[in-house]
Amino acid sequence: MPNINQHSPSKHAYLIIAHTNWGQLNKLVRVLDDSRNDIYIHIDLKQLISFNNSGGG
């Protein structure tokens, strides 16, 4: 029987949905970047295409 007083490090998963503000996304990922975390990023392609066609980024 496992010892309930022993704590193993918890692992967390983050799902980030992004469509603009790439600087903020970069900062967030750098803060969360740790071997105990899994980071999944969904980039809204429609928004990205619209942003690029409007002369942004």
C-alpha atoms as a PDB file:
ATOM      1  CA  MET A   1       0.000   0.000   0.000  1.00  0.00           C
ATOM      2  CA  PRO A   2       1.436   3.402  -0.941  1.00  0.00           C
ATOM      3  CA  ASN A   3       2.364   5.830   1.791  1.00  0.00           C
ATOM      4  CA  ILE A   4      -0.236   8.648   1.684  1.00  0.00           C
ATOM      5  CA  ASN A   5       2.257  11.033   3.282  1.00  0.00           C
ATOM      6  CA  GLN A   6       4.507  10.908   0.218  1.00  0.00           C
ATOM      7  CA  HIS A   7       3.629  13.575  -2.317  1.00  0.00           C
ATOM      8  CA  SER A   8       4.629  13.227  -5.913  1.00  0.00           C
ATOM      9  CA  PRO A   9       4.843  16.452  -7.899  1.00  0.00           C
ATOM     10  CA  SER A  10       1.557  17.279  -9.540  1.00  0.00           C
ATOM     11  CA  LYS A  11       1.435  17.693 -13.284  1.00  0.00           C
ATOM     12  CA  HIS A  12      -0.766  20.370 -14.852  1.00  0.00           C
ATOM     13  CA  ALA A  13      -2.041  20.794 -18.386  1.00  0.00           C
ATOM     14  CA  TYR A  14      -2.839  24.196 -19.881  1.00  0.00           C
ATOM     15  CA  LEU A  15      -4.916  24.750 -22.991  1.00  0.00           C
ATOM     16  CA  ILE A  16      -4.412  28.228 -24.419  1.00  0.00           C
ATOM     17  CA  ILE A  17      -6.587  29.564 -27.220  1.00  0.00           C
ATOM     18  CA  ALA A  18      -4.899  32.476 -28.972  1.00  0.00           C
ATOM     19  CA  HIS A  19      -5.795  34.764 -31.845  1.00  0.00           C
ATOM     20  CA  THR A  20      -3.972  38.056 -31.167  1.00  0.00           C
ATOM     21  CA  ASN A  21      -1.527  39.653 -28.717  1.00  0.00           C
ATOM     22  CA  TRP A  22       1.468  37.428 -29.466  1.00  0.00           C
ATOM     23  CA  GLY A  23       3.701  39.244 -26.964  1.00  0.00           C
ATOM     24  CA  GLN A  24       1.345  38.348 -24.128  1.00  0.00           C
ATOM     25  CA  LEU A  25       1.167  34.741 -25.351  1.00  0.00           C
ATOM     26  CA  ASN A  26       4.963  34.589 -25.367  1.00  0.00           C
ATOM     27  CA  LYS A  27       5.161  35.865 -21.770  1.00  0.00           C
ATOM     28  CA  LEU A  28       2.481  33.426 -20.604  1.00  0.00           C
ATOM     29  CA  VAL A  29       4.210  30.437 -22.170  1.00  0.00           C
ATOM     30  CA  ARG A  30       7.560  31.455 -20.647  1.00  0.00           C
ATOM     31  CA  VAL A  31       5.948  31.688 -17.190  1.00  0.00           C
ATOM     32  CA  LEU A  32       4.231  28.301 -17.524  1.00  0.00           C
ATOM     33  CA  ASP A  33       7.215  26.536 -19.125  1.00  0.00           C
ATOM     34  CA  ASP A  34       8.177  23.880 -16.607  1.00  0.00           C
ATOM     35  CA  SER A  35       8.716  20.118 -16.770  1.00  0.00           C
ATOM     36  CA  ARG A  36       5.640  19.685 -14.531  1.00  0.00           C
ATOM     37  CA  ASN A  37       3.387  21.430 -17.061  1.00  0.00           C
ATOM     38  CA  ASP A  38       2.016  20.390 -20.424  1.00  0.00           C
ATOM     39  CA  ILE A  39       1.112  23.369 -22.606  1.00  0.00           C
ATOM     40  CA  TYR A  40      -1.241  23.092 -25.574  1.00  0.00           C
ATOM     41  CA  ILE A  41      -1.823  26.115 -27.796  1.00  0.00           C
ATOM     42  CA  HIS A  42      -4.658  26.462 -30.295  1.00  0.00           C
ATOM     43  CA  ILE A  43      -4.172  29.373 -32.681  1.00  0.00           C
ATOM     44  CA  ASP A  44      -7.346  30.599 -34.349  1.00  0.00           C
ATOM     45  CA  LEU A  45      -6.303  30.418 -38.008  1.00  0.00           C
ATOM     46  CA  LYS A  46      -9.244  32.508 -39.257  1.00  0.00           C
ATOM     47  CA  GLN A  47      -8.261  35.361 -36.961  1.00  0.00           C
ATOM     48  CA  LEU A  48      -4.595  35.008 -37.934  1.00  0.00           C
ATOM     49  CA  ILE A  49      -5.405  35.195 -41.657  1.00  0.00           C
ATOM     50  CA  SER A  50      -7.643  38.231 -41.086  1.00  0.00           C
ATOM     51  CA  PHE A  51      -4.875  39.922 -39.053  1.00  0.00           C
ATOM     52  CA  ASN A  52      -2.252  39.308 -41.763  1.00  0.00           C
ATOM     53  CA  ASN A  53      -4.574  40.492 -44.560  1.00  0.00           C
ATOM     54  CA  SER A  54      -5.326  43.713 -42.699  1.00  0.00           C
ATOM     55  CA  GLY A  55      -1.668  44.723 -42.782  1.00  0.00           C
ATOM     56  CA  GLY A  56      -0.941  43.677 -39.208  1.00  0.00           C
ATOM     57  CA  GLY A  57       1.895  41.429 -38.048  1.00  0.00           C
END
